[in-house]
Amino acid sequence: RILSDKITRLKRELETVTRTRELHRRNRRKVPHPIVALVGYTNA
């Protein structure tokens, strides 16, 4: 139960950070620079 409470609290904090990240994304969309993402296996 204690771990569940901590997980719930962390999810709320992470949602706040996620909203901030989404705000940054929205601001980037206003500036029409295409986004190129690098993905790959670790150590590639």
All heavy atoms as atom14 arrays in JSON, in Angstrom:
{
  "sequence": "RILSDKITRLKRELETVTRTRELHRRNRRKVPHPIVALVGYTNA",
  "atom14_mask": [
    [1, 1, 1, 1, 1, 1, 1, 1, 1, 1, 1, 0, 0, 0],
    [1, 1, 1, 1, 1, 1, 1, 1, 0, 0, 0, 0, 0, 0],
    [1, 1, 1, 1, 1, 1, 1, 1, 0, 0, 0, 0, 0, 0],
    [1, 1, 1, 1, 1, 1, 0, 0, 0, 0, 0, 0, 0, 0],
    [1, 1, 1, 1, 1, 1, 1, 1, 0, 0, 0, 0, 0, 0],
    [1, 1, 1, 1, 1, 1, 1, 1, 1, 0, 0, 0, 0, 0],
    [1, 1, 1, 1, 1, 1, 1, 1, 0, 0, 0, 0, 0, 0],
    [1, 1, 1, 1, 1, 1, 1, 0, 0, 0, 0, 0, 0, 0],
    [1, 1, 1, 1, 1, 1, 1, 1, 1, 1, 1, 0, 0, 0],
    [1, 1, 1, 1, 1, 1, 1, 1, 0, 0, 0, 0, 0, 0],
    [1, 1, 1, 1, 1, 1, 1, 1, 1, 0, 0, 0, 0, 0],
    [1, 1, 1, 1, 1, 1, 1, 1, 1, 1, 1, 0, 0, 0],
    [1, 1, 1, 1, 1, 1, 1, 1, 1, 0, 0, 0, 0, 0],
    [1, 1, 1, 1, 1, 1, 1, 1, 0, 0, 0, 0, 0, 0],
    [1, 1, 1, 1, 1, 1, 1, 1, 1, 0, 0, 0, 0, 0],
    [1, 1, 1, 1, 1, 1, 1, 0, 0, 0, 0, 0, 0, 0],
    [1, 1, 1, 1, 1, 1, 1, 0, 0, 0, 0, 0, 0, 0],
    [1, 1, 1, 1, 1, 1, 1, 0, 0, 0, 0, 0, 0, 0],
    [1, 1, 1, 1, 1, 1, 1, 1, 1, 1, 1, 0, 0, 0],
    [1, 1, 1, 1, 1, 1, 1, 0, 0, 0, 0, 0, 0, 0],
    [1, 1, 1, 1, 1, 1, 1, 1, 1, 1, 1, 0, 0, 0],
    [1, 1, 1, 1, 1, 1, 1, 1, 1, 0, 0, 0, 0, 0],
    [1, 1, 1, 1, 1, 1, 1, 1, 0, 0, 0, 0, 0, 0],
    [1, 1, 1, 1, 1, 1, 1, 1, 1, 1, 0, 0, 0, 0],
    [1, 1, 1, 1, 1, 1, 1, 1, 1, 1, 1, 0, 0, 0],
    [1, 1, 1, 1, 1, 1, 1, 1, 1, 1, 1, 0, 0, 0],
    [1, 1, 1, 1, 1, 1, 1, 1, 0, 0, 0, 0, 0, 0],
    [1, 1, 1, 1, 1, 1, 1, 1, 1, 1, 1, 0, 0, 0],
    [1, 1, 1, 1, 1, 1, 1, 1, 1, 1, 1, 0, 0, 0],
    [1, 1, 1, 1, 1, 1, 1, 1, 1, 0, 0, 0, 0, 0],
    [1, 1, 1, 1, 1, 1, 1, 0, 0, 0, 0, 0, 0, 0],
    [1, 1, 1, 1, 1, 1, 1, 0, 0, 0, 0, 0, 0, 0],
    [1, 1, 1, 1, 1, 1, 1, 1, 1, 1, 0, 0, 0, 0],
    [1, 1, 1, 1, 1, 1, 1, 0, 0, 0, 0, 0, 0, 0],
    [1, 1, 1, 1, 1, 1, 1, 1, 0, 0, 0, 0, 0, 0],
    [1, 1, 1, 1, 1, 1, 1, 0, 0, 0, 0, 0, 0, 0],
    [1, 1, 1, 1, 1, 0, 0, 0, 0, 0, 0, 0, 0, 0],
    [1, 1, 1, 1, 1, 1, 1, 1, 0, 0, 0, 0, 0, 0],
    [1, 1, 1, 1, 1, 1, 1, 0, 0, 0, 0, 0, 0, 0],
    [1, 1, 1, 1, 0, 0, 0, 0, 0, 0, 0, 0, 0, 0],
    [1, 1, 1, 1, 1, 1, 1, 1, 1, 1, 1, 1, 0, 0],
    [1, 1, 1, 1, 1, 1, 1, 0, 0, 0, 0, 0, 0, 0],
    [1, 1, 1, 1, 1, 1, 1, 1, 0, 0, 0, 0, 0, 0],
    [1, 1, 1, 1, 1, 0, 0, 0, 0, 0, 0, 0, 0, 0]
  ],
  "atom14_positions": [
    [[0.84, -1.21, 0.0], [0.0, 0.0, 0.0], [0.87, 1.25, 0.0], [0.59, 2.22, -0.71], [-0.92, -0.02, 1.23], [-1.76, 1.25, 1.39], [-2.75, 1.13, 2.54], [-2.14, 0.6, 3.74], [-1.36, 1.33, 4.58], [-1.12, 2.6, 4.3], [-0.85, 0.79, 5.66], [0.0, 0.0, 0.0], [0.0, 0.0, 0.0], [0.0, 0.0, 0.0]],
    [[1.95, 1.25, 0.81], [2.85, 2.4, 0.85], [3.5, 2.63, -0.51], [3.61, 3.77, -1.0], [3.92, 2.2, 1.95], [3.27, 2.26, 3.33], [5.03, 3.25, 1.84], [4.18, 1.82, 4.46], [0.0, 0.0, 0.0], [0.0, 0.0, 0.0], [0.0, 0.0, 0.0], [0.0, 0.0, 0.0], [0.0, 0.0, 0.0], [0.0, 0.0, 0.0]],
    [[3.95, 1.52, -1.15], [4.54, 1.64, -2.48], [3.52, 2.16, -3.49], [3.86, 2.99, -4.34], [5.09, 0.29, -2.94], [6.39, -0.18, -2.27], [6.77, -1.57, -2.78], [7.52, 0.78, -2.51], [0.0, 0.0, 0.0], [0.0, 0.0, 0.0], [0.0, 0.0, 0.0], [0.0, 0.0, 0.0], [0.0, 0.0, 0.0], [0.0, 0.0, 0.0]],
    [[2.28, 1.7, -3.38], [1.23, 2.17, -4.3], [1.01, 3.66, -4.14], [0.82, 4.38, -5.13], [-0.07, 1.41, -4.05], [0.08, 0.04, -4.35], [0.0, 0.0, 0.0], [0.0, 0.0, 0.0], [0.0, 0.0, 0.0], [0.0, 0.0, 0.0], [0.0, 0.0, 0.0], [0.0, 0.0, 0.0], [0.0, 0.0, 0.0], [0.0, 0.0, 0.0]],
    [[1.02, 4.14, -2.89], [0.86, 5.58, -2.63], [2.01, 6.37, -3.26], [1.8, 7.42, -3.87], [0.79, 5.86, -1.13], [-0.49, 5.31, -0.49], [-1.44, 5.04, -1.25], [-0.52, 5.17, 0.74], [0.0, 0.0, 0.0], [0.0, 0.0, 0.0], [0.0, 0.0, 0.0], [0.0, 0.0, 0.0], [0.0, 0.0, 0.0], [0.0, 0.0, 0.0]],
    [[3.24, 5.84, -3.12], [4.4, 6.53, -3.7], [4.32, 6.54, -5.22], [4.66, 7.54, -5.87], [5.69, 5.86, -3.24], [6.01, 6.09, -1.77], [7.32, 5.41, -1.39], [7.67, 5.69, 0.07], [8.91, 5.01, 0.49], [0.0, 0.0, 0.0], [0.0, 0.0, 0.0], [0.0, 0.0, 0.0], [0.0, 0.0, 0.0], [0.0, 0.0, 0.0]],
    [[3.88, 5.41, -5.79], [3.74, 5.32, -7.25], [2.73, 6.33, -7.75], [2.94, 7.02, -8.75], [3.35, 3.89, -7.66], [4.54, 2.94, -7.48], [2.87, 3.85, -9.1], [4.2, 1.48, -7.63], [0.0, 0.0, 0.0], [0.0, 0.0, 0.0], [0.0, 0.0, 0.0], [0.0, 0.0, 0.0], [0.0, 0.0, 0.0], [0.0, 0.0, 0.0]],
    [[1.6, 6.46, -7.03], [0.57, 7.44, -7.4], [1.13, 8.86, -7.35], [0.89, 9.67, -8.26], [-0.64, 7.31, -6.47], [-1.16, 5.98, -6.55], [-1.72, 8.31, -6.84], [0.0, 0.0, 0.0], [0.0, 0.0, 0.0], [0.0, 0.0, 0.0], [0.0, 0.0, 0.0], [0.0, 0.0, 0.0], [0.0, 0.0, 0.0], [0.0, 0.0, 0.0]],
    [[1.91, 9.16, -6.3], [2.49, 10.5, -6.16], [3.47, 10.77, -7.3], [3.47, 11.86, -7.9], [3.19, 10.62, -4.81], [3.96, 11.94, -4.63], [4.65, 12.0, -3.27], [5.53, 10.88, -3.05], [6.77, 10.79, -3.56], [7.23, 11.77, -4.36], [7.54, 9.76, -3.29], [0.0, 0.0, 0.0], [0.0, 0.0, 0.0], [0.0, 0.0, 0.0]],
    [[4.31, 9.78, -7.61], [5.28, 9.96, -8.68], [4.6, 10.17, -10.03], [5.04, 10.97, -10.84], [6.21, 8.74, -8.75], [7.34, 8.68, -7.73], [8.04, 7.35, -7.8], [8.33, 9.81, -7.94], [0.0, 0.0, 0.0], [0.0, 0.0, 0.0], [0.0, 0.0, 0.0], [0.0, 0.0, 0.0], [0.0, 0.0, 0.0], [0.0, 0.0, 0.0]],
    [[3.52, 9.43, -10.26], [2.79, 9.59, -11.52], [2.24, 11.0, -11.65], [2.24, 11.58, -12.74], [1.67, 8.56, -11.62], [2.16, 7.16, -11.95], [1.01, 6.17, -12.07], [1.51, 4.8, -12.49], [0.41, 3.81, -12.56], [0.0, 0.0, 0.0], [0.0, 0.0, 0.0], [0.0, 0.0, 0.0], [0.0, 0.0, 0.0], [0.0, 0.0, 0.0]],
    [[1.76, 11.57, -10.52], [1.26, 12.95, -10.56], [2.38, 13.93, -10.88], [2.21, 14.85, -11.68], [0.6, 13.31, -9.22], [-0.81, 12.74, -9.05], [-1.56, 13.49, -7.96], [-0.87, 13.39, -6.67], [-1.15, 12.48, -5.75], [-2.1, 11.58, -5.97], [-0.49, 12.46, -4.6], [0.0, 0.0, 0.0], [0.0, 0.0, 0.0], [0.0, 0.0, 0.0]],
    [[3.54, 13.73, -10.23], [4.69, 14.61, -10.5], [5.13, 14.47, -11.96], [5.46, 15.47, -12.61], [5.85, 14.25, -9.57], [5.62, 14.62, -8.11], [6.86, 14.37, -7.28], [7.98, 14.69, -7.74], [6.73, 13.83, -6.17], [0.0, 0.0, 0.0], [0.0, 0.0, 0.0], [0.0, 0.0, 0.0], [0.0, 0.0, 0.0], [0.0, 0.0, 0.0]],
    [[5.13, 13.23, -12.45], [5.56, 13.0, -13.82], [4.58, 13.6, -14.82], [4.98, 14.09, -15.88], [5.71, 11.5, -14.07], [6.56, 11.06, -15.25], [7.94, 11.72, -15.23], [6.71, 9.55, -15.27], [0.0, 0.0, 0.0], [0.0, 0.0, 0.0], [0.0, 0.0, 0.0], [0.0, 0.0, 0.0], [0.0, 0.0, 0.0], [0.0, 0.0, 0.0]],
    [[3.3, 13.6, -14.48], [2.3, 14.23, -15.35], [2.57, 15.72, -15.49], [2.41, 16.3, -16.56], [0.89, 13.99, -14.8], [0.36, 12.58, -15.05], [-0.96, 12.34, -14.35], [-1.49, 13.31, -13.77], [-1.45, 11.21, -14.38], [0.0, 0.0, 0.0], [0.0, 0.0, 0.0], [0.0, 0.0, 0.0], [0.0, 0.0, 0.0], [0.0, 0.0, 0.0]],
    [[2.99, 16.35, -14.37], [3.33, 17.78, -14.41], [4.51, 18.03, -15.34], [4.5, 18.93, -16.18], [3.67, 18.29, -13.0], [2.55, 18.06, -12.14], [3.99, 19.78, -13.02], [0.0, 0.0, 0.0], [0.0, 0.0, 0.0], [0.0, 0.0, 0.0], [0.0, 0.0, 0.0], [0.0, 0.0, 0.0], [0.0, 0.0, 0.0], [0.0, 0.0, 0.0]],
    [[5.54, 17.19, -15.21], [6.72, 17.32, -16.08], [6.35, 17.05, -17.53], [6.82, 17.71, -18.46], [7.84, 16.37, -15.61], [9.04, 16.46, -16.54], [8.25, 16.69, -14.19], [0.0, 0.0, 0.0], [0.0, 0.0, 0.0], [0.0, 0.0, 0.0], [0.0, 0.0, 0.0], [0.0, 0.0, 0.0], [0.0, 0.0, 0.0], [0.0, 0.0, 0.0]],
    [[5.48, 16.05, -17.73], [5.05, 15.71, -19.09], [4.28, 16.86, -19.73], [4.45, 17.14, -20.92], [4.16, 14.44, -19.06], [4.9, 13.38, -18.46], [3.76, 14.03, -20.46], [0.0, 0.0, 0.0], [0.0, 0.0, 0.0], [0.0, 0.0, 0.0], [0.0, 0.0, 0.0], [0.0, 0.0, 0.0], [0.0, 0.0, 0.0], [0.0, 0.0, 0.0]],
    [[3.44, 17.53, -18.93], [2.71, 18.69, -19.47], [3.68, 19.79, -19.87], [3.48, 20.47, -20.89], [1.71, 19.22, -18.42], [0.45, 18.37, -18.32], [-0.65, 19.12, -17.58], [-0.28, 19.38, -16.19], [-0.54, 18.56, -15.18], [-1.15, 17.41, -15.41], [-0.19, 18.86, -13.95], [0.0, 0.0, 0.0], [0.0, 0.0, 0.0], [0.0, 0.0, 0.0]],
    [[4.74, 19.98, -19.08], [5.75, 20.97, -19.43], [6.44, 20.6, -20.73], [6.67, 21.43, -21.61], [6.8, 21.08, -18.3], [6.14, 21.42, -17.08], [7.84, 22.13, -18.63], [0.0, 0.0, 0.0], [0.0, 0.0, 0.0], [0.0, 0.0, 0.0], [0.0, 0.0, 0.0], [0.0, 0.0, 0.0], [0.0, 0.0, 0.0], [0.0, 0.0, 0.0]],
    [[6.77, 19.29, -20.89], [7.4, 18.83, -22.13], [6.47, 19.05, -23.32], [6.9, 19.45, -24.4], [7.79, 17.35, -22.0], [8.5, 16.81, -23.22], [8.9, 15.36, -23.0], [10.0, 15.26, -22.09], [11.27, 15.44, -22.43], [11.56, 15.74, -23.69], [12.23, 15.33, -21.56], [0.0, 0.0, 0.0], [0.0, 0.0, 0.0], [0.0, 0.0, 0.0]],
    [[5.17, 18.77, -23.12], [4.21, 18.98, -24.2], [4.11, 20.46, -24.55], [3.95, 20.81, -25.73], [2.84, 18.43, -23.78], [1.72, 18.68, -24.78], [2.02, 18.13, -26.16], [2.71, 17.1, -26.28], [1.59, 18.77, -27.15], [0.0, 0.0, 0.0], [0.0, 0.0, 0.0], [0.0, 0.0, 0.0], [0.0, 0.0, 0.0], [0.0, 0.0, 0.0]],
    [[4.2, 21.33, -23.55], [4.2, 22.77, -23.81], [5.4, 23.16, -24.67], [5.29, 23.96, -25.61], [4.22, 23.54, -22.48], [4.16, 25.07, -22.58], [2.86, 25.52, -23.24], [4.29, 25.69, -21.19], [0.0, 0.0, 0.0], [0.0, 0.0, 0.0], [0.0, 0.0, 0.0], [0.0, 0.0, 0.0], [0.0, 0.0, 0.0], [0.0, 0.0, 0.0]],
    [[6.55, 22.56, -24.36], [7.75, 22.83, -25.17], [7.55, 22.35, -26.6], [7.94, 23.02, -27.55], [8.96, 22.15, -24.54], [9.38, 22.74, -23.23], [10.21, 22.09, -22.35], [9.07, 23.92, -22.65], [10.4, 22.84, -21.29], [9.71, 23.95, -21.44], [0.0, 0.0, 0.0], [0.0, 0.0, 0.0], [0.0, 0.0, 0.0], [0.0, 0.0, 0.0]],
    [[6.91, 21.17, -26.73], [6.65, 20.65, -28.08], [5.73, 21.59, -28.85], [5.92, 21.84, -30.03], [5.99, 19.27, -27.99], [6.91, 18.15, -27.56], [6.29, 16.8, -27.91], [6.99, 15.72, -27.24], [6.52, 15.06, -26.2], [5.34, 15.36, -25.71], [7.22, 14.09, -25.65], [0.0, 0.0, 0.0], [0.0, 0.0, 0.0], [0.0, 0.0, 0.0]],
    [[4.7, 22.11, -28.15], [3.74, 23.01, -28.8], [4.45, 24.27, -29.27], [4.19, 24.79, -30.36], [2.63, 23.34, -27.81], [1.31, 23.75, -28.48], [0.23, 23.93, -27.44], [0.0, 22.72, -26.67], [-0.25, 22.7, -25.37], [-0.26, 23.83, -24.69], [-0.47, 21.57, -24.75], [0.0, 0.0, 0.0], [0.0, 0.0, 0.0], [0.0, 0.0, 0.0]],
    [[5.38, 24.77, -28.45], [6.13, 25.96, -28.84], [7.02, 25.67, -30.04], [7.19, 26.52, -30.92], [6.99, 26.45, -27.66], [6.14, 27.06, -26.55], [5.03, 27.51, -26.8], [6.66, 27.05, -25.34], [0.0, 0.0, 0.0], [0.0, 0.0, 0.0], [0.0, 0.0, 0.0], [0.0, 0.0, 0.0], [0.0, 0.0, 0.0], [0.0, 0.0, 0.0]],
    [[7.59, 24.44, -30.08], [8.43, 24.08, -31.23], [7.61, 23.98, -32.51], [8.09, 24.28, -33.6], [9.16, 22.76, -30.96], [10.33, 22.88, -30.01], [11.26, 21.7, -30.16], [10.63, 20.43, -29.88], [10.59, 19.87, -28.67], [11.14, 20.5, -27.64], [10.02, 18.71, -28.49], [0.0, 0.0, 0.0], [0.0, 0.0, 0.0], [0.0, 0.0, 0.0]],
    [[6.34, 23.53, -32.37], [5.49, 23.42, -33.55], [5.23, 24.8, -34.17], [5.04, 24.93, -35.37], [4.16, 22.75, -33.18], [4.29, 21.28, -32.86], [2.93, 20.63, -32.67], [3.03, 19.41, -31.9], [2.56, 19.24, -30.68], [1.92, 20.23, -30.07], [2.69, 18.09, -30.05], [0.0, 0.0, 0.0], [0.0, 0.0, 0.0], [0.0, 0.0, 0.0]],
    [[5.2, 25.83, -33.3], [4.96, 27.18, -33.8], [6.16, 27.67, -34.62], [6.02, 28.46, -35.52], [4.7, 28.14, -32.63], [3.39, 27.85, -31.89], [3.22, 28.81, -30.72], [1.94, 28.53, -29.95], [1.8, 29.41, -28.77], [0.0, 0.0, 0.0], [0.0, 0.0, 0.0], [0.0, 0.0, 0.0], [0.0, 0.0, 0.0], [0.0, 0.0, 0.0]],
    [[7.35, 27.2, -34.24], [8.54, 27.52, -35.02], [8.73, 26.36, -35.99], [8.96, 25.24, -35.58], [9.78, 27.66, -34.11], [11.01, 27.98, -34.94], [9.53, 28.7, -33.04], [0.0, 0.0, 0.0], [0.0, 0.0, 0.0], [0.0, 0.0, 0.0], [0.0, 0.0, 0.0], [0.0, 0.0, 0.0], [0.0, 0.0, 0.0], [0.0, 0.0, 0.0]],
    [[8.6, 26.6, -37.28], [8.47, 25.5, -38.25], [9.79, 24.8, -38.57], [10.2, 24.7, -39.71], [7.91, 26.2, -39.48], [8.5, 27.58, -39.4], [8.56, 27.91, -37.93], [0.0, 0.0, 0.0], [0.0, 0.0, 0.0], [0.0, 0.0, 0.0], [0.0, 0.0, 0.0], [0.0, 0.0, 0.0], [0.0, 0.0, 0.0], [0.0, 0.0, 0.0]],
    [[10.49, 24.36, -37.55], [11.7, 23.59, -37.78], [11.37, 22.11, -37.67], [10.88, 21.66, -36.63], [12.79, 23.95, -36.76], [13.21, 25.39, -36.81], [13.31, 26.09, -37.99], [13.56, 26.25, -35.82], [13.71, 27.33, -37.73], [13.86, 27.45, -36.43], [0.0, 0.0, 0.0], [0.0, 0.0, 0.0], [0.0, 0.0, 0.0], [0.0, 0.0, 0.0]],
    [[11.62, 21.35, -38.71], [11.34, 19.91, -38.63], [12.17, 19.25, -37.53], [13.28, 19.69, -37.21], [11.76, 19.38, -40.01], [11.83, 20.59, -40.89], [12.19, 21.73, -39.99], [0.0, 0.0, 0.0], [0.0, 0.0, 0.0], [0.0, 0.0, 0.0], [0.0, 0.0, 0.0], [0.0, 0.0, 0.0], [0.0, 0.0, 0.0], [0.0, 0.0, 0.0]],
    [[11.62, 18.2, -36.94], [12.32, 17.46, -35.89], [12.8, 16.13, -36.48], [12.04, 15.39, -37.09], [11.4, 17.2, -34.69], [11.0, 18.53, -34.03], [12.07, 16.29, -33.67], [9.99, 18.4, -32.92], [0.0, 0.0, 0.0], [0.0, 0.0, 0.0], [0.0, 0.0, 0.0], [0.0, 0.0, 0.0], [0.0, 0.0, 0.0], [0.0, 0.0, 0.0]],
    [[14.08, 15.85, -36.27], [14.68, 14.59, -36.71], [15.16, 13.86, -35.46], [15.98, 14.39, -34.7], [15.86, 14.83, -37.67], [16.54, 13.52, -38.02], [15.39, 15.55, -38.93], [0.0, 0.0, 0.0], [0.0, 0.0, 0.0], [0.0, 0.0, 0.0], [0.0, 0.0, 0.0], [0.0, 0.0, 0.0], [0.0, 0.0, 0.0], [0.0, 0.0, 0.0]],
    [[14.62, 12.66, -35.21], [14.94, 11.91, -33.99], [15.89, 10.77, -34.3], [15.71, 10.03, -35.27], [13.66, 11.36, -33.36], [0.0, 0.0, 0.0], [0.0, 0.0, 0.0], [0.0, 0.0, 0.0], [0.0, 0.0, 0.0], [0.0, 0.0, 0.0], [0.0, 0.0, 0.0], [0.0, 0.0, 0.0], [0.0, 0.0, 0.0], [0.0, 0.0, 0.0]],
    [[16.92, 10.65, -33.47], [17.84, 9.52, -33.56], [17.35, 8.41, -32.63], [17.13, 8.64, -31.44], [19.25, 9.94, -33.13], [19.97, 10.96, -34.0], [21.23, 11.43, -33.29], [20.33, 10.37, -35.34], [0.0, 0.0, 0.0], [0.0, 0.0, 0.0], [0.0, 0.0, 0.0], [0.0, 0.0, 0.0], [0.0, 0.0, 0.0], [0.0, 0.0, 0.0]],
    [[17.15, 7.22, -33.18], [16.8, 6.07, -32.36], [17.77, 4.94, -32.71], [18.43, 4.98, -33.75], [15.34, 5.6, -32.57], [14.36, 6.71, -32.27], [15.13, 5.1, -34.01], [0.0, 0.0, 0.0], [0.0, 0.0, 0.0], [0.0, 0.0, 0.0], [0.0, 0.0, 0.0], [0.0, 0.0, 0.0], [0.0, 0.0, 0.0], [0.0, 0.0, 0.0]],
    [[17.82, 3.94, -31.86], [18.69, 2.81, -32.16], [18.98, 1.99, -30.93], [18.67, 2.39, -29.8], [0.0, 0.0, 0.0], [0.0, 0.0, 0.0], [0.0, 0.0, 0.0], [0.0, 0.0, 0.0], [0.0, 0.0, 0.0], [0.0, 0.0, 0.0], [0.0, 0.0, 0.0], [0.0, 0.0, 0.0], [0.0, 0.0, 0.0], [0.0, 0.0, 0.0]],
    [[19.58, 0.87, -31.16], [19.99, -0.01, -30.07], [21.08, 0.69, -29.27], [21.86, 1.49, -29.82], [20.53, -1.33, -30.64], [20.41, -2.51, -29.71], [19.21, -3.2, -29.61], [21.49, -2.93, -28.95], [19.09, -4.29, -28.77], [21.38, -4.02, -28.1], [20.18, -4.7, -28.01], [20.06, -5.78, -27.17], [0.0, 0.0, 0.0], [0.0, 0.0, 0.0]],
    [[21.11, 0.44, -27.98], [22.12, 1.1, -27.15], [23.53, 0.73, -27.64], [23.79, -0.4, -28.06], [21.96, 0.71, -25.67], [22.87, 1.46, -24.88], [22.16, -0.76, -25.44], [0.0, 0.0, 0.0], [0.0, 0.0, 0.0], [0.0, 0.0, 0.0], [0.0, 0.0, 0.0], [0.0, 0.0, 0.0], [0.0, 0.0, 0.0], [0.0, 0.0, 0.0]],
    [[24.41, 1.71, -27.63], [25.79, 1.57, -28.07], [25.93, 1.43, -29.58], [26.97, 0.98, -30.07], [26.48, 0.38, -27.38], [27.98, 0.61, -27.2], [28.43, 1.74, -27.09], [28.74, -0.46, -27.18], [0.0, 0.0, 0.0], [0.0, 0.0, 0.0], [0.0, 0.0, 0.0], [0.0, 0.0, 0.0], [0.0, 0.0, 0.0], [0.0, 0.0, 0.0]],
    [[24.89, 1.84, -30.33], [24.98, 1.79, -31.79], [25.72, 3.0, -32.35], [26.04, 3.03, -33.54], [23.59, 1.71, -32.41], [0.0, 0.0, 0.0], [0.0, 0.0, 0.0], [0.0, 0.0, 0.0], [0.0, 0.0, 0.0], [0.0, 0.0, 0.0], [0.0, 0.0, 0.0], [0.0, 0.0, 0.0], [0.0, 0.0, 0.0], [0.0, 0.0, 0.0]]
  ]
}
